[in-house]
Amino acid sequence: MQQLLYAAEVSLNGLTTGVLYSLVALGYVLIFKSSGVFNYSQGVMVLFAALTLVGLQRGQVPFAHLWTAMFGTHTYFFGWTLAPAIAVILTLGIMVLLAILVERLILKHLVNQHPIILFMATIGLAYFIEGFGDLLWGSEVKKLDIGLPVGISETVEAWTAEWFGYGFFIDRLDLFAGLVAAVLVGLLTLLLRYSQLGRTLRAVADDHQAALSVGISLRLVWVFVWSAAGFVALVAGIMWGAKSGVQFSLSLIALKALPVLMLGGFTSIRGAIVGGLIIGVGEKLFDFLAGPIIGGATENWFAYVLALAFLMFRPQGLFGEKIIERV
């Protein structure tokens, strides 16, 4: 009985971790579903958003290490801090500016190009943003604190102790992230399915040239989509940064969204959530059950192996659209 309770606790923690994976996956789905571009740089955008938020909140001097190397200034902070709400708003503005620059400097030159060319462009963009973030804010681990609830949920612990005789340890931040993810999924689903903007975005994803021929502004659509993905990246960066600190390994954590997409489907917002929950619970339970037998550290590779096995039977994912090409 005790083992079952431990497994249930591990599964609940896996669900909350899966929600965090899903938040990152939402950004991938949003851009791919709306523009047909697989944005490899979405994970690095999560890192960049978190770095920028912490830098603004702490009053950090941008490019401080570069100024020190060039002029010997040794000035790293302005001496003031920003309120969390102001820092979040300013960071969102910077993510929108990033979307505008991406469109003007990269995407507008690649209209109607083969998808692999767009994909390769986002790989280059990912490495550029990561290096630029390092120069801008430094590479040291930073603490992110904007007042989110953290620590063990005493309520969940008390309820489970009363019901099962064993209190489950669930982080309040994970519960809050689950609520935020549910709200985001609802809003994005309504936007893409029922609004005129959603129909416009789907038209662009189907055929760039056809969308242009009927008067749709491809540039405006791409700026909007990448801005929305930047907002999702900011939300995910806040959650992951508050949970594990803002560090460059965040971009590697964000790559866990790739097997999430393989399971859920690249075009499904609902699939991003379901896939994230499957990956989160699966990797936690597998490590709990098989980790002691095979030596542990299974969470580093389990998600990718599961996704690879899943692709053999359903390549489009659980909720993805099956592609049929007539030749």
Protein backbone atom coordinates (compact mmCIF):
# COMPACT_ATOMS: atom_id res chain seq x y z
CA MET A 1 0.00 0.00 0.00
CA GLN A 2 2.82 2.36 0.90
CA GLN A 3 4.44 1.78 -2.50
CA LEU A 4 1.18 2.66 -4.24
CA LEU A 5 0.98 5.91 -2.30
CA TYR A 6 4.56 6.75 -3.22
CA ALA A 7 3.75 6.01 -6.88
CA ALA A 8 0.66 8.22 -6.68
CA GLU A 9 2.73 11.07 -5.24
CA VAL A 10 5.35 10.63 -7.96
CA SER A 11 2.58 10.67 -10.60
CA LEU A 12 1.13 13.91 -9.24
CA ASN A 13 4.55 15.53 -9.32
CA GLY A 14 4.95 14.21 -12.86
CA LEU A 15 1.67 15.85 -13.86
CA THR A 16 2.83 19.22 -12.56
CA THR A 17 6.21 18.86 -14.30
CA GLY A 18 4.39 17.88 -17.48
CA VAL A 19 2.40 21.12 -17.31
CA LEU A 20 5.68 23.06 -17.37
CA TYR A 21 6.81 21.08 -20.43
CA SER A 22 3.46 21.87 -22.04
CA LEU A 23 3.92 25.60 -21.51
CA VAL A 24 7.06 25.48 -23.65
CA ALA A 25 5.40 23.22 -26.22
CA LEU A 26 2.56 25.72 -26.62
CA GLY A 27 4.97 28.20 -28.18
CA TYR A 28 6.11 25.63 -30.75
CA VAL A 29 2.52 24.69 -31.60
CA LEU A 30 1.38 28.30 -31.87
CA ILE A 31 3.99 29.23 -34.49
CA PHE A 32 3.78 25.95 -36.41
CA LYS A 33 -0.02 25.87 -36.50
CA SER A 34 -0.28 29.53 -37.49
CA SER A 35 2.58 29.97 -39.95
CA GLY A 36 3.86 26.51 -40.87
CA VAL A 37 7.29 27.29 -39.38
CA PHE A 38 8.83 24.93 -36.84
CA ASN A 39 10.59 27.38 -34.54
CA TYR A 40 13.59 25.54 -33.10
CA SER A 41 14.51 28.71 -31.18
CA GLN A 42 11.40 28.62 -28.96
CA GLY A 43 13.30 26.97 -26.12
CA VAL A 44 16.00 29.64 -26.25
CA MET A 45 13.28 32.30 -26.28
CA VAL A 46 12.15 30.90 -22.92
CA LEU A 47 15.69 31.36 -21.60
CA PHE A 48 16.06 34.85 -23.10
CA ALA A 49 12.72 36.00 -21.64
CA ALA A 50 13.69 34.78 -18.17
CA LEU A 51 17.17 36.37 -18.39
CA THR A 52 15.68 39.69 -19.50
CA LEU A 53 13.07 39.68 -16.74
CA VAL A 54 15.65 39.06 -14.02
CA GLY A 55 18.07 41.60 -15.51
CA LEU A 56 15.43 44.34 -15.63
CA GLN A 57 14.09 43.54 -12.18
CA ARG A 58 17.54 43.67 -10.58
CA GLY A 59 18.55 46.84 -12.42
CA GLN A 60 21.42 45.09 -14.16
CA VAL A 61 23.51 47.04 -16.67
CA PRO A 62 23.14 45.45 -20.13
CA PHE A 63 26.44 44.25 -21.64
CA ALA A 64 28.14 45.02 -18.31
CA HIS A 65 30.95 42.52 -18.84
CA LEU A 66 31.57 43.89 -22.33
CA TRP A 67 31.81 47.49 -21.04
CA THR A 68 34.18 46.34 -18.32
CA ALA A 69 36.44 44.57 -20.82
CA MET A 70 36.47 47.56 -23.16
CA PHE A 71 36.59 50.50 -20.74
CA GLY A 72 37.32 49.01 -17.31
CA THR A 73 34.11 50.45 -15.79
CA HIS A 74 33.26 47.54 -13.40
CA THR A 75 29.69 48.84 -13.13
CA TYR A 76 27.23 45.95 -13.15
CA PHE A 77 24.07 47.44 -11.59
CA PHE A 78 22.26 50.77 -11.81
CA GLY A 79 21.48 50.69 -8.09
CA TRP A 80 17.69 50.36 -8.38
CA THR A 81 15.20 47.52 -8.76
CA LEU A 82 11.91 47.32 -10.62
CA ALA A 83 8.58 46.10 -9.32
CA PRO A 84 7.76 42.63 -10.72
CA ALA A 85 4.73 43.86 -12.69
CA ILE A 86 6.74 46.62 -14.41
CA ALA A 87 9.59 44.20 -15.17
CA VAL A 88 7.15 41.71 -16.72
CA ILE A 89 5.53 44.40 -18.90
CA LEU A 90 8.91 45.69 -20.10
CA THR A 91 10.08 42.14 -20.83
CA LEU A 92 6.94 41.50 -22.85
CA GLY A 93 7.69 44.66 -24.83
CA ILE A 94 11.21 43.37 -25.54
CA MET A 95 9.80 40.02 -26.73
CA VAL A 96 7.47 41.88 -29.12
CA LEU A 97 10.47 43.90 -30.36
CA LEU A 98 12.33 40.63 -30.88
CA ALA A 99 9.39 39.35 -32.95
CA ILE A 100 9.47 42.47 -35.13
CA LEU A 101 13.23 42.13 -35.69
CA VAL A 102 12.92 38.43 -36.54
CA GLU A 103 10.27 39.22 -39.13
CA ARG A 104 12.16 42.13 -40.70
CA LEU A 105 15.64 40.63 -40.67
CA ILE A 106 14.88 36.96 -41.36
CA LEU A 107 11.35 35.88 -42.20
CA LYS A 108 10.47 38.47 -44.83
CA HIS A 109 13.39 37.21 -46.93
CA LEU A 110 12.15 33.62 -46.74
CA VAL A 111 8.54 33.99 -47.86
CA ASN A 112 7.30 30.86 -49.69
CA GLN A 113 10.62 29.06 -49.18
CA HIS A 114 10.81 25.35 -48.45
CA PRO A 115 10.03 24.50 -44.79
CA ILE A 116 13.52 23.08 -44.23
CA ILE A 117 15.01 26.48 -45.06
CA LEU A 118 12.78 28.17 -42.48
CA PHE A 119 13.69 25.47 -39.97
CA MET A 120 17.42 25.97 -40.53
CA ALA A 121 16.93 29.71 -40.10
CA THR A 122 15.37 29.16 -36.67
CA ILE A 123 18.31 26.94 -35.65
CA GLY A 124 20.69 29.79 -36.45
CA LEU A 125 18.37 32.19 -34.63
CA ALA A 126 18.43 29.96 -31.55
CA TYR A 127 22.21 30.05 -31.27
CA PHE A 128 22.29 33.79 -31.92
CA ILE A 129 19.71 34.54 -29.20
CA GLU A 130 21.54 32.32 -26.72
CA GLY A 131 24.86 34.05 -27.36
CA PHE A 132 23.24 37.49 -27.35
CA GLY A 133 21.55 36.73 -24.02
CA ASP A 134 24.91 35.72 -22.57
CA LEU A 135 26.50 39.00 -23.71
CA LEU A 136 23.50 41.06 -22.59
CA TRP A 137 22.92 39.68 -19.08
CA GLY A 138 25.84 37.38 -18.24
CA SER A 139 25.93 33.61 -17.81
CA GLU A 140 25.78 33.23 -14.02
CA VAL A 141 22.81 31.50 -12.39
CA LYS A 142 20.19 34.04 -11.30
CA LYS A 143 17.32 33.83 -8.84
CA LEU A 144 13.89 34.76 -10.16
CA ASP A 145 11.41 36.03 -7.57
CA ILE A 146 8.31 37.92 -8.64
CA GLY A 147 6.09 36.85 -5.77
CA LEU A 148 4.77 33.54 -7.11
CA PRO A 149 3.67 30.95 -4.53
CA VAL A 150 6.50 28.53 -3.78
CA GLY A 151 7.08 25.71 -1.33
CA ILE A 152 5.08 22.67 -0.35
CA SER A 153 1.30 23.01 -0.45
CA GLU A 154 0.13 22.47 3.13
CA THR A 155 -3.46 22.13 1.90
CA VAL A 156 -2.69 19.22 -0.42
CA GLU A 157 -0.52 17.62 2.24
CA ALA A 158 -3.29 17.91 4.86
CA TRP A 159 -6.01 16.59 2.53
CA THR A 160 -4.00 13.58 1.35
CA ALA A 161 -2.89 12.83 4.90
CA GLU A 162 -6.54 12.81 5.99
CA TRP A 163 -7.70 10.68 3.07
CA PHE A 164 -4.81 8.21 2.72
CA GLY A 165 -2.82 8.53 5.93
CA TYR A 166 0.12 9.85 3.90
CA GLY A 167 0.69 13.50 3.00
CA PHE A 168 1.68 14.21 -0.61
CA PHE A 169 4.43 16.79 -1.18
CA ILE A 170 3.30 18.99 -4.08
CA ASP A 171 4.90 22.35 -4.89
CA ARG A 172 2.50 25.32 -4.90
CA LEU A 173 4.35 26.77 -7.88
CA ASP A 174 3.51 23.65 -9.89
CA LEU A 175 -0.17 23.98 -8.98
CA PHE A 176 -0.11 27.64 -10.02
CA ALA A 177 1.58 26.72 -13.30
CA GLY A 178 -1.19 24.22 -13.98
CA LEU A 179 -3.81 26.93 -13.53
CA VAL A 180 -1.92 29.32 -15.82
CA ALA A 181 -1.51 26.62 -18.48
CA ALA A 182 -5.25 25.85 -18.38
CA VAL A 183 -6.11 29.53 -18.91
CA LEU A 184 -3.61 29.88 -21.77
CA VAL A 185 -4.87 26.76 -23.51
CA GLY A 186 -8.46 27.98 -23.27
CA LEU A 187 -7.65 31.43 -24.66
CA LEU A 188 -5.46 30.15 -27.51
CA THR A 189 -8.02 27.52 -28.49
CA LEU A 190 -10.80 30.11 -28.66
CA LEU A 191 -8.57 32.49 -30.62
CA LEU A 192 -7.44 29.97 -33.23
CA ARG A 193 -10.71 28.13 -33.67
CA TYR A 194 -13.43 30.77 -33.55
CA SER A 195 -11.92 34.15 -34.50
CA GLN A 196 -11.30 35.74 -37.88
CA LEU A 197 -7.66 36.07 -36.86
CA GLY A 198 -7.48 32.34 -36.25
CA ARG A 199 -8.79 31.62 -39.77
CA THR A 200 -6.24 34.04 -41.17
CA LEU A 201 -3.42 32.32 -39.34
CA ARG A 202 -4.48 28.90 -40.61
CA ALA A 203 -4.60 30.24 -44.17
CA VAL A 204 -1.02 31.48 -43.88
CA ALA A 205 0.10 28.11 -42.53
CA ASP A 206 -1.50 26.26 -45.45
CA ASP A 207 0.05 28.34 -48.25
CA HIS A 208 2.08 31.54 -47.99
CA GLN A 209 1.66 32.48 -51.64
CA ALA A 210 -2.11 31.88 -51.66
CA ALA A 211 -2.51 33.95 -48.51
CA LEU A 212 -0.63 36.82 -50.10
CA SER A 213 -2.76 36.60 -53.24
CA VAL A 214 -5.98 37.24 -51.28
CA GLY A 215 -4.56 40.27 -49.50
CA ILE A 216 -3.39 38.78 -46.21
CA SER A 217 -0.38 40.63 -44.79
CA LEU A 218 2.09 37.84 -44.18
CA ARG A 219 4.49 40.16 -42.36
CA LEU A 220 1.83 41.35 -39.93
CA VAL A 221 0.69 37.78 -39.26
CA TRP A 222 4.23 36.63 -38.54
CA VAL A 223 4.88 39.54 -36.15
CA PHE A 224 1.68 38.73 -34.28
CA VAL A 225 2.40 35.00 -34.07
CA TRP A 226 6.00 35.44 -32.93
CA SER A 227 4.88 38.05 -30.39
CA ALA A 228 2.32 35.60 -29.02
CA ALA A 229 4.99 32.89 -28.89
CA GLY A 230 7.24 35.38 -27.06
CA PHE A 231 4.48 35.91 -24.50
CA VAL A 232 4.15 32.13 -24.02
CA ALA A 233 7.95 31.90 -23.72
CA LEU A 234 7.87 34.60 -21.03
CA VAL A 235 5.23 32.71 -19.05
CA ALA A 236 7.19 29.46 -19.33
CA GLY A 237 10.43 31.26 -18.43
CA ILE A 238 8.83 32.72 -15.30
CA MET A 239 7.62 29.30 -14.16
CA TRP A 240 10.84 27.43 -14.91
CA GLY A 241 13.02 30.28 -13.62
CA ALA A 242 11.13 30.47 -10.32
CA LYS A 243 11.36 26.68 -9.99
CA SER A 244 15.01 26.02 -10.82
CA GLY A 245 16.71 29.41 -11.21
CA VAL A 246 17.50 31.27 -14.42
CA GLN A 247 20.43 29.50 -16.03
CA PHE A 248 21.46 28.47 -19.52
CA SER A 249 20.41 24.87 -18.89
CA LEU A 250 16.84 26.19 -19.25
CA SER A 251 17.24 25.97 -23.02
CA LEU A 252 18.04 22.24 -22.64
CA ILE A 253 15.05 21.72 -20.37
CA ALA A 254 12.92 23.42 -22.98
CA LEU A 255 13.99 20.81 -25.54
CA LYS A 256 11.82 18.35 -23.58
CA ALA A 257 8.99 20.06 -25.47
CA LEU A 258 10.09 18.21 -28.63
CA PRO A 259 9.00 14.73 -27.48
CA VAL A 260 5.88 16.39 -26.08
CA LEU A 261 5.09 17.62 -29.59
CA MET A 262 5.80 14.22 -31.10
CA LEU A 263 3.26 12.63 -28.79
CA GLY A 264 0.61 15.33 -28.91
CA GLY A 265 0.98 16.52 -32.49
CA PHE A 266 2.65 19.61 -33.89
CA THR A 267 -0.63 21.33 -34.78
CA SER A 268 -2.67 20.67 -31.63
CA ILE A 269 -2.80 22.92 -28.58
CA ARG A 270 -4.71 20.20 -26.76
CA GLY A 271 -2.03 17.73 -27.83
CA ALA A 272 0.69 19.93 -26.30
CA ILE A 273 -1.02 19.65 -22.92
CA VAL A 274 -1.80 15.92 -23.13
CA GLY A 275 1.67 15.12 -24.47
CA GLY A 276 3.27 17.13 -21.67
CA LEU A 277 1.28 15.27 -19.03
CA ILE A 278 2.18 11.89 -20.55
CA ILE A 279 5.89 12.77 -20.67
CA GLY A 280 5.86 14.26 -17.16
CA VAL A 281 4.13 11.29 -15.52
CA GLY A 282 5.94 8.73 -17.65
CA GLU A 283 9.47 9.91 -16.88
CA LYS A 284 8.77 10.26 -13.15
CA LEU A 285 7.15 6.82 -12.83
CA PHE A 286 9.79 5.14 -14.98
CA ASP A 287 12.57 6.64 -12.87
CA PHE A 288 10.72 5.62 -9.68
CA LEU A 289 10.15 2.04 -10.80
CA ALA A 290 13.13 1.27 -13.04
CA GLY A 291 15.71 3.83 -11.91
CA PRO A 292 17.03 1.79 -8.96
CA ILE A 293 17.36 -1.26 -11.23
CA ILE A 294 19.17 0.31 -14.19
CA GLY A 295 21.15 2.97 -12.33
CA GLY A 296 18.96 6.09 -12.37
CA ALA A 297 19.25 9.24 -14.50
CA THR A 298 16.50 7.93 -16.75
CA GLU A 299 14.72 11.30 -16.92
CA ASN A 300 17.40 12.58 -19.29
CA TRP A 301 16.46 10.16 -22.07
CA PHE A 302 13.11 8.53 -21.31
CA ALA A 303 10.99 11.19 -23.05
CA TYR A 304 12.94 10.90 -26.31
CA VAL A 305 12.83 7.10 -26.36
CA LEU A 306 9.09 7.13 -25.66
CA ALA A 307 8.52 9.66 -28.45
CA LEU A 308 10.63 7.61 -30.88
CA ALA A 309 8.65 4.47 -30.12
CA PHE A 310 5.38 6.39 -30.47
CA LEU A 311 6.36 7.77 -33.89
CA MET A 312 6.54 4.26 -35.28
CA PHE A 313 2.81 3.75 -34.74
CA ARG A 314 1.33 7.24 -35.10
CA PRO A 315 3.73 9.71 -36.76
CA GLN A 316 1.25 12.63 -36.64
CA GLY A 317 0.83 12.34 -32.85
CA LEU A 318 -2.30 11.79 -30.80
CA PHE A 319 -4.11 14.92 -32.00
CA GLY A 320 -2.08 15.94 -35.04
CA GLU A 321 -3.54 16.19 -38.50
CA LYS A 322 -2.83 13.21 -40.73
CA ILE A 323 -1.11 14.38 -43.90
CA ILE A 324 -2.22 12.70 -47.12
CA GLU A 325 -0.36 13.59 -50.30
CA ARG A 326 -1.65 12.42 -53.69
CA VAL A 327 0.97 11.77 -56.33
